[in-house]
Amino acid sequence: MREMSDYEERATQNDFEKGWYDCEVCFDSKSGKESIKFMPCGHIFCVECVSAYYRQRLRDAAVKRLECLREGCESGATQAQLKLALSEDEYERYDSLLLAGTLDLMSD
């Protein structure tokens, strides 16, 4: 059953990548390959805007989890989306901050 789900997920992603979307931050029209669609909310932003926002959150060390950019939306970013939006070093920093935050919560 999981194989079918993986197939459907890849097919959905392929369809998404063929389209063009308006970023909800900069309002530029970008291809699906240059965009990130958060689920389950369906909000779409360009990779550049998502990257800039996540980098700022990492600089501020204000990271519990990285999520959709729409105010009040709680759809979290997937690992694939994080790796698309962040450099390898930034992703490692995010992972370290997330681990440190989790350990802090456990020590309370």
N, C-alpha and C. Protein backbone atom coordinates (compact mmCIF):
# COMPACT_ATOMS: atom_id res chain seq x y z
N MET A 1 0.82 -1.19 0.00
CA MET A 1 0.00 0.00 0.00
C MET A 1 0.87 1.26 0.00
N ARG A 2 1.98 1.23 0.74
CA ARG A 2 2.88 2.38 0.81
C ARG A 2 3.48 2.69 -0.56
N GLU A 3 3.75 1.64 -1.37
CA GLU A 3 4.31 1.84 -2.70
C GLU A 3 3.36 2.67 -3.56
N MET A 4 2.08 2.41 -3.46
CA MET A 4 1.10 3.18 -4.23
C MET A 4 1.09 4.63 -3.76
N SER A 5 1.19 4.82 -2.46
CA SER A 5 1.22 6.17 -1.91
C SER A 5 2.45 6.92 -2.41
N ASP A 6 3.61 6.26 -2.43
CA ASP A 6 4.83 6.88 -2.95
C ASP A 6 4.67 7.25 -4.42
N TYR A 7 4.06 6.35 -5.19
CA TYR A 7 3.83 6.61 -6.61
C TYR A 7 2.92 7.82 -6.78
N GLU A 8 1.84 7.85 -6.03
CA GLU A 8 0.90 8.97 -6.12
C GLU A 8 1.56 10.28 -5.72
N GLU A 9 2.40 10.22 -4.69
CA GLU A 9 3.11 11.41 -4.23
C GLU A 9 4.05 11.94 -5.31
N ARG A 10 4.79 11.04 -5.94
CA ARG A 10 5.70 11.44 -7.02
C ARG A 10 4.92 12.01 -8.21
N ALA A 11 3.80 11.38 -8.55
CA ALA A 11 2.98 11.85 -9.67
C ALA A 11 2.42 13.24 -9.37
N THR A 12 1.97 13.45 -8.15
CA THR A 12 1.45 14.76 -7.75
C THR A 12 2.55 15.81 -7.82
N GLN A 13 3.75 15.46 -7.35
CA GLN A 13 4.88 16.39 -7.40
C GLN A 13 5.26 16.71 -8.84
N ASN A 14 5.27 15.70 -9.70
CA ASN A 14 5.58 15.92 -11.13
C ASN A 14 4.57 16.86 -11.77
N ASP A 15 3.28 16.67 -11.46
CA ASP A 15 2.25 17.57 -11.98
C ASP A 15 2.46 18.99 -11.47
N PHE A 16 2.78 19.12 -10.18
CA PHE A 16 3.02 20.43 -9.59
C PHE A 16 4.18 21.13 -10.28
N GLU A 17 5.25 20.40 -10.53
CA GLU A 17 6.45 20.98 -11.14
C GLU A 17 6.20 21.48 -12.57
N LYS A 18 5.19 20.99 -13.23
CA LYS A 18 4.88 21.41 -14.60
C LYS A 18 4.12 22.73 -14.65
N GLY A 19 3.54 23.14 -13.53
CA GLY A 19 2.72 24.34 -13.50
C GLY A 19 3.50 25.60 -13.16
N TRP A 20 2.78 26.72 -13.19
CA TRP A 20 3.32 28.03 -12.81
C TRP A 20 2.45 28.58 -11.70
N TYR A 21 3.09 29.21 -10.70
CA TYR A 21 2.37 29.65 -9.50
C TYR A 21 2.84 31.03 -9.07
N ASP A 22 1.94 31.78 -8.48
CA ASP A 22 2.28 33.10 -7.93
C ASP A 22 2.67 32.93 -6.47
N CYS A 23 3.87 33.40 -6.14
CA CYS A 23 4.35 33.36 -4.76
C CYS A 23 3.49 34.29 -3.92
N GLU A 24 3.08 33.83 -2.74
CA GLU A 24 2.24 34.64 -1.86
C GLU A 24 3.02 35.72 -1.11
N VAL A 25 4.34 35.75 -1.26
CA VAL A 25 5.16 36.78 -0.62
C VAL A 25 5.57 37.84 -1.63
N CYS A 26 6.29 37.44 -2.67
CA CYS A 26 6.83 38.41 -3.64
C CYS A 26 5.91 38.62 -4.85
N PHE A 27 4.91 37.76 -4.99
CA PHE A 27 3.92 37.82 -6.08
C PHE A 27 4.50 37.55 -7.46
N ASP A 28 5.76 37.08 -7.53
CA ASP A 28 6.34 36.68 -8.81
C ASP A 28 5.74 35.35 -9.24
N SER A 29 5.62 35.16 -10.53
CA SER A 29 5.15 33.89 -11.08
C SER A 29 6.37 32.99 -11.28
N LYS A 30 6.33 31.81 -10.66
CA LYS A 30 7.47 30.88 -10.72
C LYS A 30 6.97 29.51 -11.15
N SER A 31 7.87 28.75 -11.74
CA SER A 31 7.52 27.37 -12.11
C SER A 31 7.40 26.53 -10.84
N GLY A 32 6.75 25.39 -10.98
CA GLY A 32 6.62 24.48 -9.84
C GLY A 32 7.97 24.02 -9.32
N LYS A 33 8.97 23.92 -10.20
CA LYS A 33 10.31 23.52 -9.76
C LYS A 33 10.96 24.59 -8.91
N GLU A 34 10.48 25.83 -9.02
CA GLU A 34 11.02 26.95 -8.24
C GLU A 34 10.09 27.34 -7.10
N SER A 35 9.13 26.46 -6.80
CA SER A 35 8.11 26.76 -5.80
C SER A 35 7.99 25.64 -4.78
N ILE A 36 7.44 25.98 -3.63
CA ILE A 36 7.16 25.01 -2.58
C ILE A 36 5.69 25.12 -2.21
N LYS A 37 5.02 23.97 -2.23
CA LYS A 37 3.61 23.90 -1.84
C LYS A 37 3.53 23.17 -0.51
N PHE A 38 3.07 23.88 0.50
CA PHE A 38 2.94 23.28 1.83
C PHE A 38 1.64 22.48 1.90
N MET A 39 1.69 21.40 2.64
CA MET A 39 0.52 20.55 2.81
C MET A 39 0.24 20.39 4.29
N PRO A 40 -0.97 20.30 4.72
CA PRO A 40 -2.16 20.16 3.90
C PRO A 40 -2.79 21.49 3.49
N CYS A 41 -2.19 22.61 3.87
CA CYS A 41 -2.81 23.93 3.63
C CYS A 41 -2.89 24.30 2.15
N GLY A 42 -1.89 23.89 1.36
CA GLY A 42 -1.87 24.20 -0.06
C GLY A 42 -1.29 25.56 -0.41
N HIS A 43 -0.74 26.29 0.57
CA HIS A 43 -0.13 27.59 0.30
C HIS A 43 1.15 27.40 -0.50
N ILE A 44 1.39 28.30 -1.45
CA ILE A 44 2.53 28.17 -2.36
C ILE A 44 3.39 29.43 -2.29
N PHE A 45 4.70 29.20 -2.17
CA PHE A 45 5.69 30.28 -2.12
C PHE A 45 6.87 29.88 -2.98
N CYS A 46 7.59 30.87 -3.50
CA CYS A 46 8.79 30.53 -4.28
C CYS A 46 9.90 30.10 -3.33
N VAL A 47 10.81 29.29 -3.86
CA VAL A 47 11.92 28.77 -3.06
C VAL A 47 12.75 29.92 -2.50
N GLU A 48 12.93 31.00 -3.29
CA GLU A 48 13.73 32.14 -2.82
C GLU A 48 13.14 32.76 -1.56
N CYS A 49 11.84 32.97 -1.53
CA CYS A 49 11.20 33.58 -0.35
C CYS A 49 11.23 32.64 0.85
N VAL A 50 10.99 31.35 0.60
CA VAL A 50 11.05 30.38 1.69
C VAL A 50 12.47 30.33 2.25
N SER A 51 13.46 30.29 1.38
CA SER A 51 14.86 30.26 1.82
C SER A 51 15.22 31.48 2.65
N ALA A 52 14.84 32.65 2.18
CA ALA A 52 15.15 33.89 2.91
C ALA A 52 14.50 33.89 4.29
N TYR A 53 13.25 33.47 4.36
CA TYR A 53 12.54 33.44 5.64
C TYR A 53 13.18 32.43 6.60
N TYR A 54 13.48 31.24 6.10
CA TYR A 54 14.08 30.21 6.96
C TYR A 54 15.48 30.63 7.41
N ARG A 55 16.25 31.25 6.53
CA ARG A 55 17.59 31.72 6.92
C ARG A 55 17.50 32.75 8.05
N GLN A 56 16.53 33.65 7.96
CA GLN A 56 16.33 34.64 9.02
C GLN A 56 15.97 33.95 10.33
N ARG A 57 15.10 32.97 10.28
CA ARG A 57 14.72 32.23 11.48
C ARG A 57 15.93 31.52 12.08
N LEU A 58 16.80 30.99 11.22
CA LEU A 58 18.01 30.32 11.72
C LEU A 58 18.98 31.32 12.34
N ARG A 59 19.11 32.52 11.74
CA ARG A 59 19.99 33.56 12.31
C ARG A 59 19.48 33.99 13.68
N ASP A 60 18.17 34.08 13.82
CA ASP A 60 17.57 34.48 15.09
C ASP A 60 17.52 33.32 16.09
N ALA A 61 17.89 32.13 15.63
CA ALA A 61 17.81 30.90 16.44
C ALA A 61 16.39 30.70 16.96
N ALA A 62 15.41 31.20 16.22
CA ALA A 62 14.00 31.09 16.60
C ALA A 62 13.39 29.88 15.90
N VAL A 63 13.89 28.71 16.24
CA VAL A 63 13.47 27.53 15.51
C VAL A 63 12.95 26.46 16.47
N LYS A 64 11.68 26.20 16.38
CA LYS A 64 11.13 25.00 17.00
C LYS A 64 10.84 24.04 15.86
N ARG A 65 10.28 24.60 14.81
CA ARG A 65 10.08 23.86 13.56
C ARG A 65 9.83 24.90 12.49
N LEU A 66 10.24 24.59 11.29
CA LEU A 66 10.03 25.50 10.17
C LEU A 66 8.74 25.11 9.47
N GLU A 67 7.92 26.11 9.18
CA GLU A 67 6.60 25.82 8.65
C GLU A 67 6.21 26.79 7.55
N CYS A 68 4.98 26.68 7.11
CA CYS A 68 4.40 27.54 6.08
C CYS A 68 4.59 29.01 6.45
N LEU A 69 4.81 29.83 5.43
CA LEU A 69 5.05 31.26 5.66
C LEU A 69 3.78 32.06 5.93
N ARG A 70 2.63 31.55 5.61
CA ARG A 70 1.37 32.27 5.83
C ARG A 70 1.14 32.43 7.32
N GLU A 71 0.89 33.66 7.74
CA GLU A 71 0.69 33.96 9.16
C GLU A 71 -0.46 33.13 9.72
N GLY A 72 -0.18 32.48 10.84
CA GLY A 72 -1.19 31.67 11.50
C GLY A 72 -1.31 30.25 10.99
N CYS A 73 -0.66 29.93 9.89
CA CYS A 73 -0.72 28.58 9.33
C CYS A 73 0.31 27.71 10.04
N GLU A 74 -0.06 26.49 10.34
CA GLU A 74 0.83 25.60 11.08
C GLU A 74 1.29 24.39 10.27
N SER A 75 1.11 24.41 8.96
CA SER A 75 1.60 23.31 8.13
C SER A 75 3.12 23.30 8.16
N GLY A 76 3.70 22.20 8.58
CA GLY A 76 5.14 22.10 8.68
C GLY A 76 5.80 21.77 7.36
N ALA A 77 7.05 22.16 7.24
CA ALA A 77 7.83 21.83 6.04
C ALA A 77 8.29 20.38 6.13
N THR A 78 8.28 19.70 5.01
CA THR A 78 8.79 18.33 4.95
C THR A 78 10.32 18.38 4.87
N GLN A 79 10.96 17.24 5.09
CA GLN A 79 12.41 17.17 4.97
C GLN A 79 12.85 17.55 3.56
N ALA A 80 12.11 17.09 2.56
CA ALA A 80 12.46 17.41 1.17
C ALA A 80 12.37 18.92 0.92
N GLN A 81 11.35 19.57 1.48
CA GLN A 81 11.20 21.02 1.32
C GLN A 81 12.33 21.76 2.03
N LEU A 82 12.69 21.29 3.21
CA LEU A 82 13.80 21.92 3.94
C LEU A 82 15.10 21.81 3.15
N LYS A 83 15.35 20.65 2.59
CA LYS A 83 16.58 20.45 1.83
C LYS A 83 16.59 21.27 0.54
N LEU A 84 15.42 21.55 0.00
CA LEU A 84 15.31 22.40 -1.19
C LEU A 84 15.57 23.86 -0.84
N ALA A 85 15.09 24.29 0.31
CA ALA A 85 15.17 25.70 0.70
C ALA A 85 16.46 26.08 1.40
N LEU A 86 17.14 25.12 2.00
CA LEU A 86 18.34 25.41 2.79
C LEU A 86 19.57 24.78 2.17
N SER A 87 20.72 25.42 2.39
CA SER A 87 21.98 24.80 1.98
C SER A 87 22.25 23.64 2.95
N GLU A 88 23.22 22.82 2.62
CA GLU A 88 23.56 21.69 3.49
C GLU A 88 23.97 22.18 4.88
N ASP A 89 24.78 23.24 4.96
CA ASP A 89 25.20 23.79 6.25
C ASP A 89 24.01 24.34 7.04
N GLU A 90 23.11 25.03 6.35
CA GLU A 90 21.93 25.58 7.01
C GLU A 90 21.03 24.46 7.53
N TYR A 91 20.89 23.41 6.74
CA TYR A 91 20.07 22.28 7.16
C TYR A 91 20.67 21.63 8.41
N GLU A 92 21.98 21.48 8.44
CA GLU A 92 22.65 20.91 9.62
C GLU A 92 22.47 21.80 10.84
N ARG A 93 22.54 23.12 10.64
CA ARG A 93 22.31 24.06 11.75
C ARG A 93 20.88 23.93 12.27
N TYR A 94 19.92 23.85 11.35
CA TYR A 94 18.52 23.67 11.74
C TYR A 94 18.36 22.39 12.56
N ASP A 95 18.94 21.32 12.07
CA ASP A 95 18.84 20.03 12.76
C ASP A 95 19.44 20.12 14.16
N SER A 96 20.59 20.80 14.29
CA SER A 96 21.24 20.98 15.60
C SER A 96 20.38 21.82 16.54
N LEU A 97 19.81 22.91 16.03
CA LEU A 97 18.95 23.76 16.86
C LEU A 97 17.69 23.01 17.30
N LEU A 98 17.15 22.22 16.41
CA LEU A 98 15.96 21.44 16.73
C LEU A 98 16.28 20.41 17.81
N LEU A 99 17.41 19.74 17.69
CA LEU A 99 17.83 18.76 18.68
C LEU A 99 18.08 19.43 20.03
N ALA A 100 18.77 20.57 20.03
CA ALA A 100 19.04 21.29 21.28
C ALA A 100 17.74 21.71 21.95
N GLY A 101 16.79 22.19 21.16
CA GLY A 101 15.50 22.59 21.71
C GLY A 101 14.74 21.42 22.31
N THR A 102 14.81 20.28 21.65
CA THR A 102 14.15 19.08 22.16
C THR A 102 14.80 18.62 23.46
N LEU A 103 16.12 18.65 23.51
CA LEU A 103 16.82 18.25 24.73
C LEU A 103 16.52 19.20 25.88
N ASP A 104 16.41 20.50 25.58
CA ASP A 104 16.04 21.48 26.62
C ASP A 104 14.67 21.17 27.19
N LEU A 105 13.73 20.82 26.33
CA LEU A 105 12.38 20.48 26.79
C LEU A 105 12.39 19.23 27.66
N MET A 106 13.23 18.28 27.31
CA MET A 106 13.30 17.02 28.06
C MET A 106 13.92 17.22 29.43
N SER A 107 14.80 18.21 29.57
CA SER A 107 15.48 18.42 30.86
C SER A 107 14.61 19.19 31.84
N ASP A 108 13.52 19.78 31.36
CA ASP A 108 12.63 20.54 32.25
C ASP A 108 11.80 19.67 33.11
